Protein backbone atom coordinates (compact mmCIF):
# COMPACT_ATOMS: atom_id res chain seq x y z
CA MET A 1 -1.49 -0.05 26.46
CA THR A 2 0.96 -0.05 23.54
CA PRO A 3 -0.79 0.23 20.17
CA THR A 4 -0.21 -2.54 17.63
CA VAL A 5 0.03 -2.45 13.85
CA LEU A 6 -0.58 -5.55 11.72
CA PHE A 7 1.25 -5.75 8.40
CA LEU A 8 -0.57 -8.01 5.94
CA ARG A 9 2.11 -9.50 3.70
CA ASN A 10 -0.05 -10.47 0.75
CA ASP A 11 3.05 -11.44 -1.26
CA HIS A 12 6.15 -12.74 0.51
CA THR A 13 8.33 -10.40 -1.58
CA ALA A 14 6.36 -7.29 -0.53
CA THR A 15 7.36 -6.63 3.07
CA GLU A 16 6.87 -3.57 5.25
CA ALA A 17 10.53 -2.41 4.96
CA MET A 18 10.83 1.25 6.06
CA LEU A 19 7.24 1.33 7.32
CA ALA A 20 8.24 -0.93 10.22
CA ASP A 21 10.85 1.55 11.43
CA VAL A 22 8.45 4.49 11.29
CA PHE A 23 5.65 2.71 13.14
CA THR A 24 8.14 1.55 15.77
CA GLU A 25 9.31 5.14 16.22
CA CYS A 26 5.65 6.12 16.65
CA GLY A 27 5.41 3.71 19.61
CA PHE A 28 3.74 0.72 17.94
CA ASP A 29 4.31 -2.95 18.48
CA ILE A 30 4.48 -4.82 15.17
CA ASP A 31 2.73 -8.01 14.09
CA THR A 32 2.89 -9.56 10.62
CA PHE A 33 0.60 -11.99 8.80
CA ASP A 34 1.69 -13.92 5.71
CA VAL A 35 -1.19 -14.36 3.24
CA VAL A 36 0.29 -16.25 0.27
CA SER A 37 3.30 -18.44 1.06
CA PRO A 38 6.27 -18.70 -1.34
CA ASP A 39 5.30 -22.23 -2.38
CA HIS A 40 1.90 -20.95 -3.62
CA GLU A 41 3.10 -17.89 -5.53
CA ASP A 42 2.39 -19.52 -8.91
CA ALA A 43 -1.14 -20.52 -7.82
CA PRO A 44 -2.06 -17.92 -5.18
CA ALA A 45 -5.81 -18.58 -4.88
CA GLY A 46 -6.82 -20.30 -1.67
CA ASP A 47 -8.74 -19.86 1.53
CA VAL A 48 -7.14 -17.76 4.26
CA ALA A 49 -8.41 -17.18 7.80
CA PHE A 50 -7.47 -13.59 8.60
CA PRO A 51 -6.98 -12.23 12.12
CA GLU A 52 -9.74 -10.26 13.80
CA PRO A 53 -9.23 -6.61 12.77
CA THR A 54 -10.42 -5.17 16.06
CA ASP A 55 -7.47 -6.83 17.80
CA TYR A 56 -5.28 -4.12 16.23
CA ASP A 57 -5.09 -0.34 16.16
CA VAL A 58 -3.86 -0.20 12.56
CA ILE A 59 -3.85 -2.70 9.69
CA VAL A 60 -1.53 -2.26 6.70
CA PRO A 61 -2.37 -4.34 3.60
CA LEU A 62 0.84 -4.39 1.58
CA GLY A 63 1.66 -4.95 -2.08
CA ALA A 64 1.40 -8.02 -4.30
CA ARG A 65 2.24 -9.03 -7.85
CA TRP A 66 -1.32 -10.11 -8.70
CA ALA A 67 -4.41 -8.20 -9.80
CA VAL A 68 -6.78 -7.39 -6.95
CA TYR A 69 -9.74 -8.00 -9.30
CA ASP A 70 -8.61 -11.51 -10.34
CA GLU A 71 -11.79 -13.56 -10.02
CA ALA A 72 -10.13 -16.58 -8.43
CA LEU A 73 -8.54 -14.35 -5.78
CA VAL A 74 -11.71 -12.37 -5.13
CA ASN A 75 -13.50 -15.67 -4.57
CA SER A 76 -10.84 -16.73 -2.06
CA TRP A 77 -8.49 -14.68 0.10
CA VAL A 78 -8.90 -11.27 -1.57
CA GLY A 79 -12.62 -11.41 -0.83
CA ALA A 80 -11.87 -12.34 2.78
CA GLU A 81 -9.33 -9.53 3.11
CA MET A 82 -11.80 -7.04 1.65
CA ASP A 83 -14.28 -8.10 4.33
CA MET A 84 -11.58 -7.59 6.95
CA VAL A 85 -10.93 -4.07 5.64
CA ARG A 86 -14.62 -3.18 5.70
CA ARG A 87 -15.01 -4.43 9.26
CA ALA A 88 -11.89 -2.54 10.32
CA VAL A 89 -13.18 0.77 8.93
CA GLU A 90 -16.63 0.19 10.41
CA SER A 91 -14.99 -0.42 13.81
CA GLY A 92 -12.70 2.62 13.66
CA VAL A 93 -9.50 0.66 13.09
CA GLY A 94 -6.97 2.49 10.93
CA VAL A 95 -6.21 0.96 7.54
CA LEU A 96 -3.21 2.06 5.47
CA GLY A 97 -3.14 0.35 2.07
CA VAL A 98 0.00 0.22 -0.08
CA CYS A 99 -0.29 -0.30 -3.87
CA PHE A 100 -2.17 -3.63 -4.13
CA GLY A 101 -3.33 -2.91 -0.58
CA GLY A 102 -4.59 0.52 -1.62
CA GLN A 103 -6.39 -0.99 -4.58
CA LEU A 104 -7.92 -3.57 -2.24
CA ILE A 105 -9.26 -0.76 -0.03
CA ALA A 106 -10.77 0.94 -3.09
CA GLN A 107 -12.43 -2.28 -4.22
CA ALA A 108 -13.63 -3.17 -0.71
CA LEU A 109 -15.25 0.22 -0.11
CA GLY A 110 -17.20 0.45 -3.35
CA GLY A 111 -14.69 1.61 -5.94
CA SER A 112 -13.24 -0.44 -8.77
CA VAL A 113 -9.81 -1.43 -10.06
CA SER A 114 -8.79 -2.05 -13.65
CA ARG A 115 -5.76 -2.27 -15.92
CA SER A 116 -4.06 1.09 -16.35
CA PRO A 117 -3.29 2.32 -19.86
CA ALA A 118 -0.12 3.88 -18.44
CA PRO A 119 1.66 1.60 -15.92
CA GLU A 120 4.23 3.23 -13.66
CA VAL A 121 7.54 1.64 -12.64
CA GLY A 122 10.17 3.85 -11.04
CA TRP A 123 10.27 7.16 -9.18
CA TYR A 124 7.45 9.52 -10.18
CA ASN A 125 6.57 12.99 -9.00
CA VAL A 126 3.30 12.88 -7.04
CA ALA A 127 1.19 16.03 -6.77
CA THR A 128 -0.71 16.49 -3.51
CA ASP A 129 -3.54 18.60 -2.13
CA ASP A 130 -2.41 18.06 1.47
CA ALA A 131 1.34 17.92 2.11
CA GLY A 132 0.77 17.36 5.82
CA LEU A 133 -0.96 14.08 5.12
CA VAL A 134 0.53 12.81 1.86
CA PRO A 135 3.65 14.85 1.06
CA GLY A 136 4.28 15.48 -2.61
CA GLY A 137 7.52 14.71 -4.39
CA ARG A 138 9.06 11.60 -5.88
CA TRP A 139 7.62 8.31 -4.65
CA PHE A 140 8.41 4.83 -5.93
CA GLN A 141 5.86 3.12 -8.14
CA TRP A 142 5.49 -0.42 -9.48
CA HIS A 143 1.92 -0.95 -10.64
CA PHE A 144 -0.02 -1.94 -13.75
CA ASP A 145 -3.54 -1.30 -12.42
CA ARG A 146 -5.32 1.75 -11.04
CA TRP A 147 -8.45 2.43 -9.03
CA ALA A 148 -11.64 4.42 -9.53
CA LEU A 149 -12.47 6.18 -6.27
CA PRO A 150 -15.10 4.69 -3.95
CA PRO A 151 -18.19 6.82 -3.22
CA GLY A 152 -17.40 9.43 -0.59
CA ALA A 153 -13.63 9.14 -0.91
CA ILE A 154 -11.48 12.27 -0.90
CA GLU A 155 -8.58 12.12 -3.33
CA ILE A 156 -5.41 13.55 -1.83
CA ALA A 157 -2.71 12.94 -4.45
CA ARG A 158 -2.22 11.95 -8.08
CA THR A 159 0.09 11.62 -11.07
CA PRO A 160 -1.04 12.21 -14.66
CA ALA A 161 -1.49 8.43 -15.00
CA ALA A 162 -3.34 7.51 -11.81
CA SER A 163 -4.90 8.57 -8.54
CA GLN A 164 -2.24 8.10 -5.87
CA ALA A 165 -3.96 8.55 -2.51
CA PHE A 166 -7.43 8.87 -1.04
CA VAL A 167 -9.06 8.94 2.39
CA LEU A 168 -12.35 7.30 3.32
CA GLY A 169 -13.30 6.91 6.97
CA THR A 170 -10.29 5.56 8.85
CA ALA A 171 -8.64 4.29 5.66
CA LEU A 172 -5.83 5.90 3.67
CA ALA A 173 -5.09 4.20 0.34
CA LEU A 174 -1.76 4.75 -1.41
CA GLN A 175 -0.94 3.72 -4.97
CA PHE A 176 2.81 4.28 -4.53
CA HIS A 177 5.31 2.39 -2.36
CA PRO A 178 6.50 4.63 0.50
CA GLU A 179 8.14 1.64 2.20
CA LEU A 180 10.71 0.93 -0.51
CA ASP A 181 14.43 0.97 0.23
CA SER A 182 17.38 -0.42 -1.73
CA GLU A 183 17.18 -3.80 0.00
CA LEU A 184 13.53 -4.31 -0.91
CA LEU A 185 14.18 -3.12 -4.46
CA GLU A 186 16.77 -5.87 -4.90
CA VAL A 187 14.17 -8.46 -3.90
CA TRP A 188 11.76 -7.13 -6.52
CA LEU A 189 14.39 -6.97 -9.24
CA ALA A 190 15.37 -10.57 -8.53
CA HIS A 191 11.73 -11.57 -9.10
CA ASP A 192 11.34 -9.44 -12.25
CA ARG A 193 11.75 -12.53 -14.39
CA ASP A 194 9.57 -11.33 -17.27
CA GLY A 195 11.27 -7.95 -17.54
CA SER A 196 8.28 -5.89 -16.39
CA ALA A 197 10.45 -2.92 -15.50
CA ALA A 198 12.21 -2.87 -18.86
CA GLY A 199 8.82 -3.15 -20.55
CA ILE A 200 7.93 0.25 -19.05
CA GLY A 201 11.23 1.61 -20.30
CA THR A 202 13.16 1.55 -17.03
CA SER A 203 16.26 -0.60 -16.62
CA HIS A 204 17.26 -2.29 -13.39
CA HIS A 205 20.38 -0.09 -13.36
CA GLU A 206 18.25 3.07 -13.56
CA LEU A 207 15.97 1.85 -10.75
CA ARG A 208 18.97 1.15 -8.50
CA SER A 209 20.54 4.51 -9.24
CA GLU A 210 17.34 6.51 -8.70
CA THR A 211 16.54 4.60 -5.50
CA LYS A 212 19.93 5.51 -4.03
CA GLU A 213 19.29 9.13 -4.99
CA PHE A 214 15.70 9.50 -3.76
CA THR A 215 15.27 7.09 -0.83
CA GLY A 216 16.62 9.46 1.84
CA ASP A 217 14.17 12.21 1.01
CA ALA A 218 11.31 9.72 0.68
CA ALA A 219 12.14 8.29 4.11
CA ALA A 220 11.83 11.76 5.66
CA ARG A 221 8.46 12.30 3.96
CA LEU A 222 7.33 8.84 5.09
CA HIS A 223 7.54 10.02 8.71
CA ILE A 224 5.20 12.91 7.85
CA LEU A 225 2.83 10.56 6.04
CA VAL A 226 2.53 8.02 8.86
CA ARG A 227 2.13 10.66 11.56
CA GLY A 228 -0.45 12.48 9.47
CA PHE A 229 -2.33 9.22 8.96
CA LEU A 230 -2.28 8.40 12.68
CA ASN A 231 -3.22 11.89 13.89
CA ARG A 232 -5.71 12.94 11.21
CA VAL A 233 -7.23 9.78 9.75
CA VAL A 234 -7.13 7.23 12.57
CA ARG A 235 -7.42 9.72 15.45
CA PRO A 236 -8.94 12.86 13.93
CA GLN A 237 -8.80 15.95 16.12
CA PRO A 238 -12.16 17.08 17.54
CA SER A 239 -13.63 20.09 15.77
CA THR A 240 -13.79 23.37 17.67
């Protein structure tokens, strides 16, 4: 039977982009689930009935513009999605969280998320302890919050400003955006109405230029990341 990955589009502007191509190349069928519709982006709290996690081999909670610890969201769909993540990990379903999705994993599994004193927007060098799972190098960032690790989590990668990746059970949480390509960047820049990028000191022109320069290498490392996640986190090799 062909394995299936479910991409949870928490924010309609944060799609799976390059992740879809890599999972397809790994033999997966792709399903998507839209959490907050465009007409609710200014008031995103609301009840959401999520799919059953055990219907999938892998679940990928994607990014979002909101704070994962926002009380109104935790009391509505974020709380429900956290429950979905916990049930997925308990059932052996792989969970790959991206930025907001990674923070959601941290919060769901006993960690915490708070405002970062040093937000990151742009391409940052990520140091890694395990290049076969989370390759080091420049990865794209657009986040204003950061997590504290859940109990039992193993941190894999970091920048000076924030933890960037950890593993716990069948979950791999990422703070950076490995999925980003130039097309997705243009969507985000079009929605950067309050000048968040410029507030970090990075112009839209600089983000476009750096993305053209670094996306090819990041795409190659994304293949390593996804295959490492599938082979070592979701389907760990038996010990000898």
